[in-house]
PDB file of N, CA and C in Angstrom:
ATOM      1  N   MET A   1     -76.922 -35.520 129.783  1.00  0.00           N
ATOM      2  CA  MET A   1     -75.582 -36.082 129.631  1.00  0.00           C
ATOM      3  C   MET A   1     -75.592 -37.587 129.899  1.00  0.00           C
ATOM      4  N   LYS A   2     -76.255 -37.992 131.003  1.00  0.00           N
ATOM      5  CA  LYS A   2     -76.320 -39.415 131.328  1.00  0.00           C
ATOM      6  C   LYS A   2     -77.055 -40.187 130.237  1.00  0.00           C
ATOM      7  N   ARG A   3     -78.099 -39.562 129.716  1.00  0.00           N
ATOM      8  CA  ARG A   3     -78.886 -40.212 128.668  1.00  0.00           C
ATOM      9  C   ARG A   3     -78.061 -40.414 127.394  1.00  0.00           C
ATOM     10  N   SER A   4     -77.276 -39.423 126.990  1.00  0.00           N
ATOM     11  CA  SER A   4     -76.470 -39.553 125.777  1.00  0.00           C
ATOM     12  C   SER A   4     -75.370 -40.598 125.958  1.00  0.00           C
ATOM     13  N   ILE A   5     -74.825 -40.729 127.140  1.00  0.00           N
ATOM     14  CA  ILE A   5     -73.820 -41.771 127.400  1.00  0.00           C
ATOM     15  C   ILE A   5     -74.473 -43.147 127.308  1.00  0.00           C
ATOM     16  N   GLY A   6     -75.683 -43.255 127.841  1.00  0.00           N
ATOM     17  CA  GLY A   6     -76.407 -44.519 127.765  1.00  0.00           C
ATOM     18  C   GLY A   6     -76.725 -44.902 126.331  1.00  0.00           C
ATOM     19  N   VAL A   7     -77.149 -43.932 125.547  1.00  0.00           N
ATOM     20  CA  VAL A   7     -77.457 -44.182 124.141  1.00  0.00           C
ATOM     21  C   VAL A   7     -76.198 -44.608 123.393  1.00  0.00           C
ATOM     22  N   LEU A   8     -75.084 -43.947 123.645  1.00  0.00           N
ATOM     23  CA  LEU A   8     -73.817 -44.320 123.006  1.00  0.00           C
ATOM     24  C   LEU A   8     -73.384 -45.729 123.421  1.00  0.00           C
ATOM     25  N   ALA A   9     -73.569 -46.064 124.676  1.00  0.00           N
ATOM     26  CA  ALA A   9     -73.195 -47.400 125.149  1.00  0.00           C
ATOM     27  C   ALA A   9     -74.032 -48.472 124.455  1.00  0.00           C
ATOM     28  N   VAL A  10     -75.306 -48.232 124.318  1.00  0.00           N
ATOM     29  CA  VAL A  10     -76.182 -49.190 123.646  1.00  0.00           C
ATOM     30  C   VAL A  10     -75.799 -49.307 122.168  1.00  0.00           C
ATOM     31  N   ALA A  11     -75.543 -48.194 121.509  1.00  0.00           N
ATOM     32  CA  ALA A  11     -75.153 -48.210 120.098  1.00  0.00           C
ATOM     33  C   ALA A  11     -73.847 -48.980 119.911  1.00  0.00           C
ATOM     34  N   PHE A  12     -72.882 -48.739 120.786  1.00  0.00           N
ATOM     35  CA  PHE A  12     -71.600 -49.439 120.713  1.00  0.00           C
ATOM     36  C   PHE A  12     -71.797 -50.944 120.908  1.00  0.00           C
ATOM     37  N   ALA A  13     -72.628 -51.324 121.874  1.00  0.00           N
ATOM     38  CA  ALA A  13     -72.895 -52.741 122.124  1.00  0.00           C
ATOM     39  C   ALA A  13     -73.526 -53.407 120.910  1.00  0.00           C
ATOM     40  N   LEU A  14     -74.434 -52.723 120.247  1.00  0.00           N
ATOM     41  CA  LEU A  14     -75.069 -53.281 119.058  1.00  0.00           C
ATOM     42  C   LEU A  14     -74.069 -53.489 117.935  1.00  0.00           C
ATOM     43  N   VAL A  15     -73.161 -52.560 117.754  1.00  0.00           N
ATOM     44  CA  VAL A  15     -72.140 -52.691 116.711  1.00  0.00           C
ATOM     45  C   VAL A  15     -71.221 -53.862 117.021  1.00  0.00           C
ATOM     46  N   VAL A  16     -70.792 -53.989 118.266  1.00  0.00           N
ATOM     47  CA  VAL A  16     -69.886 -55.072 118.660  1.00  0.00           C
ATOM     48  C   VAL A  16     -70.567 -56.424 118.521  1.00  0.00           C
ATOM     49  N   LEU A  17     -71.814 -56.516 118.929  1.00  0.00           N
ATOM     50  CA  LEU A  17     -72.532 -57.782 118.849  1.00  0.00           C
ATOM     51  C   LEU A  17     -72.885 -58.156 117.417  1.00  0.00           C
ATOM     52  N   ALA A  18     -73.108 -57.192 116.569  1.00  0.00           N
ATOM     53  CA  ALA A  18     -73.490 -57.475 115.187  1.00  0.00           C
ATOM     54  C   ALA A  18     -72.305 -57.930 114.350  1.00  0.00           C
ATOM     55  N   ALA A  19     -71.104 -57.517 114.669  1.00  0.00           N
ATOM     56  CA  ALA A  19     -69.922 -57.829 113.869  1.00  0.00           C
ATOM     57  C   ALA A  19     -69.716 -59.326 113.666  1.00  0.00           C
ATOM     58  N   PRO A  20     -69.799 -60.174 114.702  1.00  0.00           N
ATOM     59  CA  PRO A  20     -69.545 -61.588 114.473  1.00  0.00           C
ATOM     60  C   PRO A  20     -70.663 -62.310 113.725  1.00  0.00           C
ATOM     61  N   LEU A  21     -71.775 -61.647 113.474  1.00  0.00           N
ATOM     62  CA  LEU A  21     -72.890 -62.297 112.804  1.00  0.00           C
ATOM     63  C   LEU A  21     -72.735 -62.318 111.285  1.00  0.00           C
ATOM     64  N   HIS A  22     -71.705 -61.711 110.764  1.00  0.00           N
ATOM     65  CA  HIS A  22     -71.483 -61.666 109.323  1.00  0.00           C
ATOM     66  C   HIS A  22     -70.889 -62.996 108.851  1.00  0.00           C
ATOM     67  N   ALA A  23     -71.695 -63.790 108.186  1.00  0.00           N
ATOM     68  CA  ALA A  23     -71.233 -65.082 107.688  1.00  0.00           C
ATOM     69  C   ALA A  23     -70.517 -64.913 106.356  1.00  0.00           C
ATOM     70  N   GLU A  24     -69.553 -65.761 106.143  1.00  0.00           N
ATOM     71  CA  GLU A  24     -68.815 -65.790 104.888  1.00  0.00           C
ATOM     72  C   GLU A  24     -68.955 -67.180 104.279  1.00  0.00           C
ATOM     73  N   VAL A  25     -68.630 -67.285 103.000  1.00  0.00           N
ATOM     74  CA  VAL A  25     -68.638 -68.575 102.320  1.00  0.00           C
ATOM     75  C   VAL A  25     -67.284 -68.773 101.649  1.00  0.00           C
ATOM     76  N   TRP A  26     -66.678 -69.920 101.904  1.00  0.00           N
ATOM     77  CA  TRP A  26     -65.431 -70.311 101.259  1.00  0.00           C
ATOM     78  C   TRP A  26     -65.770 -71.467 100.345  1.00  0.00           C
ATOM     79  N   LYS A  27     -65.465 -71.325  99.050  1.00  0.00           N
ATOM     80  CA  LYS A  27     -65.886 -72.332  98.064  1.00  0.00           C
ATOM     81  C   LYS A  27     -64.714 -73.158  97.550  1.00  0.00           C
ATOM     82  N   ALA A  28     -64.967 -74.451  97.471  1.00  0.00           N
ATOM     83  CA  ALA A  28     -64.063 -75.419  96.831  1.00  0.00           C
ATOM     84  C   ALA A  28     -62.624 -75.359  97.358  1.00  0.00           C
ATOM     85  N   LEU A  29     -62.478 -75.231  98.667  1.00  0.00           N
ATOM     86  CA  LEU A  29     -61.146 -75.223  99.265  1.00  0.00           C
ATOM     87  C   LEU A  29     -60.774 -76.625  99.738  1.00  0.00           C
ATOM     88  N   PRO A  30     -59.478 -76.971  99.699  1.00  0.00           N
ATOM     89  CA  PRO A  30     -59.061 -78.289 100.159  1.00  0.00           C
ATOM     90  C   PRO A  30     -59.399 -78.494 101.642  1.00  0.00           C
ATOM     91  N   LEU A  31     -60.082 -79.595 101.929  1.00  0.00           N
ATOM     92  CA  LEU A  31     -60.406 -79.983 103.298  1.00  0.00           C
ATOM     93  C   LEU A  31     -59.261 -80.830 103.825  1.00  0.00           C
ATOM     94  N   MET A  32     -58.817 -80.532 105.031  1.00  0.00           N
ATOM     95  CA  MET A  32     -57.655 -81.232 105.581  1.00  0.00           C
ATOM     96  C   MET A  32     -57.863 -81.449 107.073  1.00  0.00           C
ATOM     97  N   ASP A  33     -57.320 -82.554 107.578  1.00  0.00           N
ATOM     98  CA  ASP A  33     -57.334 -82.755 109.028  1.00  0.00           C
ATOM     99  C   ASP A  33     -56.091 -82.099 109.627  1.00  0.00           C
ATOM    100  N   GLY A  34     -56.179 -81.755 110.895  1.00  0.00           N
ATOM    101  CA  GLY A  34     -55.096 -81.048 111.577  1.00  0.00           C
ATOM    102  C   GLY A  34     -53.810 -81.843 111.711  1.00  0.00           C
ATOM    103  N   HIS A  35     -53.897 -83.186 111.707  1.00  0.00           N
ATOM    104  CA  HIS A  35     -52.694 -84.013 111.844  1.00  0.00           C
ATOM    105  C   HIS A  35     -51.833 -84.000 110.588  1.00  0.00           C
ATOM    106  N   CYS A  36     -52.461 -83.889 109.443  1.00  0.00           N
ATOM    107  CA  CYS A  36     -51.737 -84.049 108.175  1.00  0.00           C
ATOM    108  C   CYS A  36     -51.430 -82.737 107.462  1.00  0.00           C
ATOM    109  N   ILE A  37     -51.799 -81.623 108.037  1.00  0.00           N
ATOM    110  CA  ILE A  37     -51.655 -80.349 107.331  1.00  0.00           C
ATOM    111  C   ILE A  37     -50.210 -80.077 106.911  1.00  0.00           C
ATOM    112  N   GLU A  38     -49.253 -80.354 107.791  1.00  0.00           N
ATOM    113  CA  GLU A  38     -47.855 -80.036 107.448  1.00  0.00           C
ATOM    114  C   GLU A  38     -47.319 -80.913 106.324  1.00  0.00           C
ATOM    115  N   LYS A  39     -47.601 -82.201 106.364  1.00  0.00           N
ATOM    116  CA  LYS A  39     -47.027 -83.078 105.342  1.00  0.00           C
ATOM    117  C   LYS A  39     -47.801 -83.063 104.028  1.00  0.00           C
ATOM    118  N   MET A  40     -49.081 -82.637 104.060  1.00  0.00           N
ATOM    119  CA  MET A  40     -49.897 -82.666 102.845  1.00  0.00           C
ATOM    120  C   MET A  40     -50.195 -81.284 102.270  1.00  0.00           C
ATOM    121  N   ALA A  41     -49.698 -80.232 102.873  1.00  0.00           N
ATOM    122  CA  ALA A  41     -50.024 -78.868 102.438  1.00  0.00           C
ATOM    123  C   ALA A  41     -49.609 -78.591 100.989  1.00  0.00           C
ATOM    124  N   LYS A  42     -48.516 -79.201 100.540  1.00  0.00           N
ATOM    125  CA  LYS A  42     -48.048 -78.950  99.175  1.00  0.00           C
ATOM    126  C   LYS A  42     -48.916 -79.636  98.122  1.00  0.00           C
ATOM    127  N   ASP A  43     -49.549 -80.739  98.498  1.00  0.00           N
ATOM    128  CA  ASP A  43     -50.404 -81.469  97.560  1.00  0.00           C
ATOM    129  C   ASP A  43     -51.646 -81.980  98.295  1.00  0.00           C
ATOM    130  N   PRO A  44     -52.520 -81.071  98.728  1.00  0.00           N
ATOM    131  CA  PRO A  44     -53.674 -81.483  99.530  1.00  0.00           C
ATOM    132  C   PRO A  44     -54.664 -82.382  98.786  1.00  0.00           C
ATOM    133  N   ASP A  45     -54.674 -82.320  97.455  1.00  0.00           N
ATOM    134  CA  ASP A  45     -55.600 -83.158  96.700  1.00  0.00           C
ATOM    135  C   ASP A  45     -55.212 -84.629  96.744  1.00  0.00           C
ATOM    136  N   ALA A  46     -53.981 -84.928  97.123  1.00  0.00           N
ATOM    137  CA  ALA A  46     -53.532 -86.312  97.248  1.00  0.00           C
ATOM    138  C   ALA A  46     -53.889 -86.910  98.608  1.00  0.00           C
ATOM    139  N   HIS A  47     -54.376 -86.090  99.516  1.00  0.00           N
ATOM    140  CA  HIS A  47     -54.739 -86.568 100.855  1.00  0.00           C
ATOM    141  C   HIS A  47     -55.979 -87.454 100.761  1.00  0.00           C
ATOM    142  N   PRO A  48     -55.865 -88.725 101.144  1.00  0.00           N
ATOM    143  CA  PRO A  48     -57.001 -89.634 100.989  1.00  0.00           C
ATOM    144  C   PRO A  48     -58.070 -89.445 102.069  1.00  0.00           C
ATOM    145  N   ARG A  49     -59.294 -89.700 101.674  1.00  0.00           N
ATOM    146  CA  ARG A  49     -60.429 -89.623 102.586  1.00  0.00           C
ATOM    147  C   ARG A  49     -60.240 -90.574 103.768  1.00  0.00           C
ATOM    148  N   SER A  50     -59.690 -91.743 103.503  1.00  0.00           N
ATOM    149  CA  SER A  50     -59.474 -92.728 104.569  1.00  0.00           C
ATOM    150  C   SER A  50     -58.578 -92.165 105.669  1.00  0.00           C
ATOM    151  N   CYS A  51     -57.565 -91.406 105.299  1.00  0.00           N
ATOM    152  CA  CYS A  51     -56.669 -90.780 106.277  1.00  0.00           C
ATOM    153  C   CYS A  51     -57.412 -89.679 107.038  1.00  0.00           C
ATOM    154  N   ALA A  52     -58.181 -88.883 106.320  1.00  0.00           N
ATOM    155  CA  ALA A  52     -58.939 -87.807 106.970  1.00  0.00           C
ATOM    156  C   ALA A  52     -59.912 -88.371 108.003  1.00  0.00           C
ATOM    157  N   LEU A  53     -60.477 -89.532 107.718  1.00  0.00           N
ATOM    158  CA  LEU A  53     -61.380 -90.168 108.680  1.00  0.00           C
ATOM    159  C   LEU A  53     -60.604 -90.704 109.883  1.00  0.00           C
ATOM    160  N   GLN A  54     -59.443 -91.299 109.651  1.00  0.00           N
ATOM    161  CA  GLN A  54     -58.626 -91.833 110.746  1.00  0.00           C
ATOM    162  C   GLN A  54     -58.097 -90.728 111.652  1.00  0.00           C
ATOM    163  N   CYS A  55     -57.809 -89.579 111.089  1.00  0.00           N
ATOM    164  CA  CYS A  55     -57.185 -88.485 111.847  1.00  0.00           C
ATOM    165  C   CYS A  55     -58.204 -87.467 112.343  1.00  0.00           C
ATOM    166  N   SER A  56     -59.436 -87.866 112.528  1.00  0.00           N
ATOM    167  CA  SER A  56     -60.501 -86.928 112.907  1.00  0.00           C
ATOM    168  C   SER A  56     -60.256 -86.254 114.257  1.00  0.00           C
ATOM    169  N   LYS A  57     -59.510 -86.895 115.138  1.00  0.00           N
ATOM    170  CA  LYS A  57     -59.262 -86.299 116.464  1.00  0.00           C
ATOM    171  C   LYS A  57     -58.402 -85.037 116.382  1.00  0.00           C
ATOM    172  N   GLY A  58     -57.708 -84.851 115.260  1.00  0.00           N
ATOM    173  CA  GLY A  58     -56.895 -83.658 115.068  1.00  0.00           C
ATOM    174  C   GLY A  58     -57.712 -82.460 114.612  1.00  0.00           C
ATOM    175  N   GLY A  59     -59.005 -82.674 114.388  1.00  0.00           N
ATOM    176  CA  GLY A  59     -59.857 -81.586 113.904  1.00  0.00           C
ATOM    177  C   GLY A  59     -59.673 -81.390 112.418  1.00  0.00           C
ATOM    178  N   TYR A  60     -60.511 -80.538 111.857  1.00  0.00           N
ATOM    179  CA  TYR A  60     -60.488 -80.277 110.426  1.00  0.00           C
ATOM    180  C   TYR A  60     -60.382 -78.790 110.147  1.00  0.00           C
ATOM    181  N   GLY A  61     -60.125 -78.488 108.894  1.00  0.00           N
ATOM    182  CA  GLY A  61     -60.081 -77.113 108.428  1.00  0.00           C
ATOM    183  C   GLY A  61     -59.924 -77.111 106.919  1.00  0.00           C
ATOM    184  N   VAL A  62     -59.776 -75.937 106.364  1.00  0.00           N
ATOM    185  CA  VAL A  62     -59.557 -75.788 104.932  1.00  0.00           C
ATOM    186  C   VAL A  62     -58.298 -74.966 104.698  1.00  0.00           C
ATOM    187  N   ILE A  63     -57.706 -75.178 103.540  1.00  0.00           N
ATOM    188  CA  ILE A  63     -56.522 -74.413 103.159  1.00  0.00           C
ATOM    189  C   ILE A  63     -56.995 -73.269 102.267  1.00  0.00           C
ATOM    190  N   ALA A  64     -56.827 -72.057 102.756  1.00  0.00           N
ATOM    191  CA  ALA A  64     -57.259 -70.871 102.014  1.00  0.00           C
ATOM    192  C   ALA A  64     -56.362 -70.643 100.802  1.00  0.00           C
ATOM    193  N   ALA A  65     -56.797 -69.780  99.916  1.00  0.00           N
ATOM    194  CA  ALA A  65     -56.052 -69.484  98.686  1.00  0.00           C
ATOM    195  C   ALA A  65     -54.635 -68.992  98.967  1.00  0.00           C
ATOM    196  N   ASP A  66     -54.444 -68.312 100.104  1.00  0.00           N
ATOM    197  CA  ASP A  66     -53.105 -67.812 100.448  1.00  0.00           C
ATOM    198  C   ASP A  66     -52.262 -68.844 101.191  1.00  0.00           C
ATOM    199  N   GLY A  67     -52.769 -70.080 101.338  1.00  0.00           N
ATOM    200  CA  GLY A  67     -52.023 -71.145 102.000  1.00  0.00           C
ATOM    201  C   GLY A  67     -52.274 -71.250 103.493  1.00  0.00           C
ATOM    202  N   THR A  68     -53.051 -70.350 104.052  1.00  0.00           N
ATOM    203  CA  THR A  68     -53.362 -70.369 105.476  1.00  0.00           C
ATOM    204  C   THR A  68     -54.305 -71.525 105.790  1.00  0.00           C
ATOM    205  N   PHE A  69     -54.051 -72.213 106.905  1.00  0.00           N
ATOM    206  CA  PHE A  69     -54.947 -73.272 107.360  1.00  0.00           C
ATOM    207  C   PHE A  69     -55.968 -72.661 108.301  1.00  0.00           C
ATOM    208  N   LEU A  70     -57.226 -72.671 107.878  1.00  0.00           N
ATOM    209  CA  LEU A  70     -58.321 -72.141 108.686  1.00  0.00           C
ATOM    210  C   LEU A  70     -59.000 -73.307 109.379  1.00  0.00           C
ATOM    211  N   LYS A  71     -58.836 -73.388 110.698  1.00  0.00           N
ATOM    212  CA  LYS A  71     -59.387 -74.494 111.478  1.00  0.00           C
ATOM    213  C   LYS A  71     -60.884 -74.320 111.682  1.00  0.00           C
ATOM    214  N   PHE A  72     -61.557 -75.434 111.912  1.00  0.00           N
ATOM    215  CA  PHE A  72     -62.981 -75.411 112.227  1.00  0.00           C
ATOM    216  C   PHE A  72     -63.180 -75.434 113.733  1.00  0.00           C
ATOM    217  N   ASP A  73     -64.277 -74.844 114.171  1.00  0.00           N
ATOM    218  CA  ASP A  73     -64.667 -74.951 115.569  1.00  0.00           C
ATOM    219  C   ASP A  73     -65.186 -76.376 115.823  1.00  0.00           C
ATOM    220  N   GLU A  74     -65.569 -76.676 117.050  1.00  0.00           N
ATOM    221  CA  GLU A  74     -66.010 -78.023 117.407  1.00  0.00           C
ATOM    222  C   GLU A  74     -67.200 -78.476 116.560  1.00  0.00           C
ATOM    223  N   GLU A  75     -68.165 -77.607 116.377  1.00  0.00           N
ATOM    224  CA  GLU A  75     -69.331 -77.941 115.566  1.00  0.00           C
ATOM    225  C   GLU A  75     -68.930 -78.194 114.112  1.00  0.00           C
ATOM    226  N   GLY A  76     -67.996 -77.409 113.607  1.00  0.00           N
ATOM    227  CA  GLY A  76     -67.502 -77.599 112.248  1.00  0.00           C
ATOM    228  C   GLY A  76     -66.784 -78.928 112.080  1.00  0.00           C
ATOM    229  N   ASN A  77     -66.029 -79.328 113.107  1.00  0.00           N
ATOM    230  CA  ASN A  77     -65.357 -80.627 113.060  1.00  0.00           C
ATOM    231  C   ASN A  77     -66.374 -81.755 112.954  1.00  0.00           C
ATOM    232  N   LYS A  78     -67.461 -81.655 113.702  1.00  0.00           N
ATOM    233  CA  LYS A  78     -68.518 -82.676 113.636  1.00  0.00           C
ATOM    234  C   LYS A  78     -69.143 -82.712 112.251  1.00  0.00           C
ATOM    235  N   LYS A  79     -69.432 -81.532 111.698  1.00  0.00           N
ATOM    236  CA  LYS A  79     -70.055 -81.451 110.373  1.00  0.00           C
ATOM    237  C   LYS A  79     -69.114 -81.994 109.289  1.00  0.00           C
ATOM    238  N   ALA A  80     -67.826 -81.704 109.417  1.00  0.00           N
ATOM    239  CA  ALA A  80     -66.849 -82.193 108.442  1.00  0.00           C
ATOM    240  C   ALA A  80     -66.753 -83.714 108.507  1.00  0.00           C
ATOM    241  N   LEU A  81     -66.726 -84.267 109.706  1.00  0.00           N
ATOM    242  CA  LEU A  81     -66.663 -85.719 109.860  1.00  0.00           C
ATOM    243  C   LEU A  81     -67.900 -86.379 109.261  1.00  0.00           C
ATOM    244  N   GLU A  82     -69.063 -85.818 109.515  1.00  0.00           N
ATOM    245  CA  GLU A  82     -70.302 -86.356 108.928  1.00  0.00           C
ATOM    246  C   GLU A  82     -70.254 -86.323 107.403  1.00  0.00           C
ATOM    247  N   ALA A  83     -69.780 -85.218 106.845  1.00  0.00           N
ATOM    248  CA  ALA A  83     -69.686 -85.095 105.381  1.00  0.00           C
ATOM    249  C   ALA A  83     -68.701 -86.112 104.812  1.00  0.00           C
ATOM    250  N   LEU A  84     -67.583 -86.317 105.494  1.00  0.00           N
ATOM    251  CA  LEU A  84     -66.594 -87.293 105.035  1.00  0.00           C
ATOM    252  C   LEU A  84     -67.143 -88.715 105.107  1.00  0.00           C
ATOM    253  N   GLU A  85     -67.881 -89.014 106.161  1.00  0.00           N
ATOM    254  CA  GLU A  85     -68.459 -90.351 106.305  1.00  0.00           C
ATOM    255  C   GLU A  85     -69.487 -90.641 105.213  1.00  0.00           C
ATOM    256  N   LYS A  86     -70.208 -89.627 104.762  1.00  0.00           N
ATOM    257  CA  LYS A  86     -71.223 -89.801 103.718  1.00  0.00           C
ATOM    258  C   LYS A  86     -70.620 -89.818 102.318  1.00  0.00           C
ATOM    259  N   SER A  87     -69.444 -89.247 102.172  1.00  0.00           N
ATOM    260  CA  SER A  87     -68.821 -89.120 100.858  1.00  0.00           C
ATOM    261  C   SER A  87     -68.245 -90.451 100.374  1.00  0.00           C
ATOM    262  N   GLU A  88     -68.173 -90.575  99.059  1.00  0.00           N
ATOM    263  CA  GLU A  88     -67.524 -91.740  98.460  1.00  0.00           C
ATOM    264  C   GLU A  88     -66.230 -91.354  97.744  1.00  0.00           C
ATOM    265  N   GLN A  89     -65.856 -90.079  97.827  1.00  0.00           N
ATOM    266  CA  GLN A  89     -64.611 -89.625  97.196  1.00  0.00           C
ATOM    267  C   GLN A  89     -63.420 -90.284  97.880  1.00  0.00           C
ATOM    268  N   LYS A  90     -62.448 -90.677  97.088  1.00  0.00           N
ATOM    269  CA  LYS A  90     -61.250 -91.292  97.649  1.00  0.00           C
ATOM    270  C   LYS A  90     -60.202 -90.249  98.029  1.00  0.00           C
ATOM    271  N   ASP A  91     -60.140 -89.156  97.286  1.00  0.00           N
ATOM    272  CA  ASP A  91     -59.189 -88.068  97.553  1.00  0.00           C
ATOM    273  C   ASP A  91     -59.738 -86.804  96.887  1.00  0.00           C
ATOM    274  N   HIS A  92     -58.890 -85.801  96.714  1.00  0.00           N
ATOM    275  CA  HIS A  92     -59.319 -84.527  96.121  1.00  0.00           C
ATOM    276  C   HIS A  92     -60.533 -83.981  96.890  1.00  0.00           C
ATOM    277  N   LEU A  93     -60.355 -83.879  98.202  1.00  0.00           N
ATOM    278  CA  LEU A  93     -61.432 -83.457  99.097  1.00  0.00           C
ATOM    279  C   LEU A  93     -61.542 -81.943  99.098  1.00  0.00           C
ATOM    280  N   ARG A  94     -62.571 -81.439  98.453  1.00  0.00           N
ATOM    281  CA  ARG A  94     -62.825 -79.998  98.385  1.00  0.00           C
ATOM    282  C   ARG A  94     -64.136 -79.704  99.091  1.00  0.00           C
ATOM    283  N   ALA A  95     -64.157 -78.605  99.847  1.00  0.00           N
ATOM    284  CA  ALA A  95     -65.340 -78.273 100.619  1.00  0.00           C
ATOM    285  C   ALA A  95     -65.771 -76.834 100.388  1.00  0.00           C
ATOM    286  N   THR A  96     -67.060 -76.631 100.467  1.00  0.00           N
ATOM    287  CA  THR A  96     -67.631 -75.295 100.536  1.00  0.00           C
ATOM    288  C   THR A  96     -68.120 -75.140 101.966  1.00  0.00           C
ATOM    289  N   VAL A  97     -67.653 -74.081 102.614  1.00  0.00           N
ATOM    290  CA  VAL A  97     -67.911 -73.878 104.038  1.00  0.00           C
ATOM    291  C   VAL A  97     -68.565 -72.525 104.249  1.00  0.00           C
ATOM    292  N   GLU A  98     -69.589 -72.506 105.067  1.00  0.00           N
ATOM    293  CA  GLU A  98     -70.233 -71.255 105.463  1.00  0.00           C
ATOM    294  C   GLU A  98     -70.037 -71.089 106.965  1.00  0.00           C
ATOM    295  N   GLY A  99     -69.670 -69.889 107.368  1.00  0.00           N
ATOM    296  CA  GLY A  99     -69.472 -69.632 108.780  1.00  0.00           C
ATOM    297  C   GLY A  99     -68.885 -68.259 109.020  1.00  0.00           C
ATOM    298  N   THR A 100     -68.418 -68.072 110.235  1.00  0.00           N
ATOM    299  CA  THR A 100     -67.851 -66.800 110.658  1.00  0.00           C
ATOM    300  C   THR A 100     -66.401 -67.014 111.064  1.00  0.00           C
ATOM    301  N   LEU A 101     -65.513 -66.223 110.498  1.00  0.00           N
ATOM    302  CA  LEU A 101     -64.085 -66.335 110.797  1.00  0.00           C
ATOM    303  C   LEU A 101     -63.727 -65.469 111.988  1.00  0.00           C
ATOM    304  N   ASN A 102     -63.047 -66.082 112.966  1.00  0.00           N
ATOM    305  CA  ASN A 102     -62.550 -65.374 114.133  1.00  0.00           C
ATOM    306  C   ASN A 102     -61.088 -65.767 114.295  1.00  0.00           C
ATOM    307  N   GLY A 103     -60.183 -64.889 113.884  1.00  0.00           N
ATOM    308  CA  GLY A 103     -58.762 -65.232 113.866  1.00  0.00           C
ATOM    309  C   GLY A 103     -58.516 -66.235 112.757  1.00  0.00           C
ATOM    310  N   ASP A 104     -58.052 -67.444 113.134  1.00  0.00           N
ATOM    311  CA  ASP A 104     -57.850 -68.495 112.133  1.00  0.00           C
ATOM    312  C   ASP A 104     -58.819 -69.661 112.340  1.00  0.00           C
ATOM    313  N   VAL A 105     -59.935 -69.401 113.049  1.00  0.00           N
ATOM    314  CA  VAL A 105     -60.937 -70.440 113.307  1.00  0.00           C
ATOM    315  C   VAL A 105     -62.270 -70.031 112.689  1.00  0.00           C
ATOM    316  N   ILE A 106     -62.860 -70.970 111.945  1.00  0.00           N
ATOM    317  CA  ILE A 106     -64.179 -70.739 111.361  1.00  0.00           C
ATOM    318  C   ILE A 106     -65.233 -71.382 112.261  1.00  0.00           C
ATOM    319  N   ALA A 107     -66.196 -70.581 112.702  1.00  0.00           N
ATOM    320  CA  ALA A 107     -67.373 -71.110 113.382  1.00  0.00           C
ATOM    321  C   ALA A 107     -68.313 -71.554 112.265  1.00  0.00           C
ATOM    322  N   VAL A 108     -68.322 -72.838 111.978  1.00  0.00           N
ATOM    323  CA  VAL A 108     -68.998 -73.391 110.815  1.00  0.00           C
ATOM    324  C   VAL A 108     -70.498 -73.517 111.055  1.00  0.00           C
ATOM    325  N   THR A 109     -71.269 -73.037 110.087  1.00  0.00           N
ATOM    326  CA  THR A 109     -72.720 -73.223 110.120  1.00  0.00           C
ATOM    327  C   THR A 109     -73.161 -74.265 109.099  1.00  0.00           C
ATOM    328  N   ALA A 110     -72.385 -74.440 108.026  1.00  0.00           N
ATOM    329  CA  ALA A 110     -72.713 -75.444 107.006  1.00  0.00           C
ATOM    330  C   ALA A 110     -71.441 -75.832 106.259  1.00  0.00           C
ATOM    331  N   ILE A 111     -71.417 -77.078 105.827  1.00  0.00           N
ATOM    332  CA  ILE A 111     -70.290 -77.571 105.038  1.00  0.00           C
ATOM    333  C   ILE A 111     -70.813 -78.606 104.043  1.00  0.00           C
ATOM    334  N   SER A 112     -70.256 -78.574 102.845  1.00  0.00           N
ATOM    335  CA  SER A 112     -70.578 -79.607 101.853  1.00  0.00           C
ATOM    336  C   SER A 112     -69.306 -79.936 101.086  1.00  0.00           C
ATOM    337  N   LEU A 113     -69.175 -81.209 100.746  1.00  0.00           N
ATOM    338  CA  LEU A 113     -68.037 -81.639  99.945  1.00  0.00           C
ATOM    339  C   LEU A 113     -68.395 -81.531  98.477  1.00  0.00           C
ATOM    340  N   GLU A 114     -67.433 -81.113  97.667  1.00  0.00           N
ATOM    341  CA  GLU A 114     -67.645 -80.941  96.224  1.00  0.00           C
ATOM    342  C   GLU A 114     -67.609 -82.288  95.537  1.00  0.00           C
TER     343      GLU A 114
END
């Protein structure tokens, strides 16, 4: 009996630990900083790169197809800022993001601007 409980506990732990390891990819979604999401949500492609760089302290995220703002974790914010600094796009900031979604926050493993 004790052995079967132990086996079940280990199996349950493996399932719980494995769940967050499933990475997803979001392609060509509008990249937005947290400060401008409310005023630019209706026309995110008009949001200039210069503003996104100035508002970096508000963090970054993407606007999902259903209009939800999916925020980036701290590492994702760093990666987004680096991508914006390297980019020469003036606006129409679209990103492909790889990571794990937890609630409305993406733990970003990779990001690239389109």
